[in-house]
Amino acid sequence: MNVKFEWHGDEVLRRIENATGQVSLPDLFPASFMQAHTKFGTLDAMVTASQLVKDDATSEEPAAALQGEVWSQFVASNSTFSSWGEMMSAAATERLKKAFEG
């Protein structure tokens, strides 16, 4: 019995590369993800509601604020996740799944 095997590796590799390259936070957390898993419509709205980042913050301050325990606790209180790390992992997993579906 002959089994025919078709290799679609190039397409798979392209999808992996597209899904795992550098991704901005708004792209990692699209509105659909935020609405399904948090009390907010966008990541920006969630960050603003946390009051961890001031309106006049420098570009480095928001990134630093999102690494702290206070932010992780805010995520736990306002989402279906127990921590910021769990939320990031879920968003990355969802992004990879979508890359292979489409």
Protein backbone atom coordinates (compact mmCIF):
# COMPACT_ATOMS: atom_id res chain seq x y z
CA MET A 1 0.00 0.00 0.00
CA ASN A 2 1.39 3.37 -1.01
CA VAL A 3 0.72 6.30 1.23
CA LYS A 4 0.82 9.73 -0.32
CA PHE A 5 2.25 12.40 1.94
CA GLU A 6 2.05 16.06 1.02
CA TRP A 7 4.47 18.40 2.72
CA HIS A 8 3.11 21.83 3.48
CA GLY A 9 6.06 22.74 5.65
CA ASP A 10 6.78 26.03 3.95
CA GLU A 11 3.26 27.24 4.71
CA VAL A 12 3.48 26.00 8.29
CA LEU A 13 6.82 27.73 8.79
CA ARG A 14 5.44 30.97 7.32
CA ARG A 15 2.48 30.87 9.71
CA ILE A 16 4.71 30.21 12.71
CA GLU A 17 6.99 33.06 11.73
CA ASN A 18 4.06 35.45 11.26
CA ALA A 19 2.51 34.45 14.57
CA THR A 20 5.66 34.49 16.67
CA GLY A 21 7.48 37.56 15.43
CA GLN A 22 7.54 40.74 17.45
CA VAL A 23 3.99 41.66 18.35
CA SER A 24 2.73 44.88 19.89
CA LEU A 25 0.55 44.58 22.98
CA PRO A 26 -2.55 45.86 21.14
CA ASP A 27 -2.01 43.17 18.49
CA LEU A 28 -1.50 40.47 21.12
CA PHE A 29 -4.61 41.61 22.98
CA PRO A 30 -7.18 42.53 20.32
CA ALA A 31 -10.56 43.90 21.37
CA SER A 32 -12.18 40.50 20.84
CA PHE A 33 -9.79 38.91 23.36
CA MET A 34 -10.22 41.71 25.88
CA GLN A 35 -14.02 41.66 25.65
CA ALA A 36 -14.12 37.89 26.07
CA HIS A 37 -11.75 37.72 29.04
CA THR A 38 -11.79 41.08 30.86
CA LYS A 39 -14.12 43.81 32.05
CA PHE A 40 -12.67 46.11 29.37
CA GLY A 41 -13.02 46.56 25.63
CA THR A 42 -9.34 47.22 24.97
CA LEU A 43 -6.00 46.79 26.68
CA ASP A 44 -5.60 50.58 26.68
CA ALA A 45 -8.88 50.95 28.60
CA MET A 46 -7.70 48.36 31.12
CA VAL A 47 -4.34 50.06 31.63
CA THR A 48 -6.05 53.44 32.02
CA ALA A 49 -8.51 52.05 34.57
CA SER A 50 -5.64 50.61 36.61
CA GLN A 51 -4.28 54.14 37.15
CA LEU A 52 -0.77 52.68 37.14
CA VAL A 53 0.33 54.81 34.20
CA LYS A 54 0.11 58.60 34.35
CA ASP A 55 -1.10 60.63 31.37
CA ASP A 56 2.30 62.29 31.05
CA ALA A 57 4.27 59.02 31.32
CA THR A 58 7.37 58.46 29.26
CA SER A 59 7.37 55.58 26.80
CA GLU A 60 9.26 53.32 29.25
CA GLU A 61 6.88 53.79 32.19
CA PRO A 62 3.89 51.79 30.87
CA ALA A 63 6.07 48.76 30.15
CA ALA A 64 7.55 48.91 33.63
CA ALA A 65 4.12 49.25 35.25
CA LEU A 66 2.89 46.13 33.46
CA GLN A 67 5.68 44.05 34.98
CA GLY A 68 4.77 44.66 38.61
CA GLU A 69 2.74 42.74 41.15
CA VAL A 70 0.14 45.53 41.44
CA TRP A 71 -0.69 45.15 37.73
CA SER A 72 -0.85 41.37 38.05
CA GLN A 73 -3.30 41.74 40.94
CA PHE A 74 -5.36 44.20 38.88
CA VAL A 75 -5.49 41.63 36.08
CA ALA A 76 -6.62 38.94 38.53
CA SER A 77 -9.41 41.19 39.82
CA ASN A 78 -10.63 42.32 36.41
CA SER A 79 -10.27 39.31 34.13
CA THR A 80 -10.71 35.57 33.93
CA PHE A 81 -6.99 35.13 34.63
CA SER A 82 -5.16 34.76 37.91
CA SER A 83 -2.16 36.83 36.78
CA TRP A 84 -0.65 38.94 34.00
CA GLY A 85 1.57 36.03 33.02
CA GLU A 86 -1.45 33.76 32.60
CA MET A 87 -3.21 36.41 30.51
CA MET A 88 -0.15 36.83 28.26
CA SER A 89 0.16 33.06 27.80
CA ALA A 90 -3.51 32.76 26.86
CA ALA A 91 -3.26 35.60 24.35
CA ALA A 92 -0.15 34.08 22.76
CA THR A 93 -1.81 30.66 22.56
CA GLU A 94 -4.90 32.17 20.94
CA ARG A 95 -2.73 34.04 18.44
CA LEU A 96 -0.93 30.83 17.45
CA LYS A 97 -4.20 28.93 17.07
CA LYS A 98 -5.57 31.63 14.77
CA ALA A 99 -2.38 31.55 12.71
CA PHE A 100 -2.91 27.85 12.00
CA GLU A 101 -6.64 28.14 11.35
CA GLY A 102 -6.31 30.84 8.73
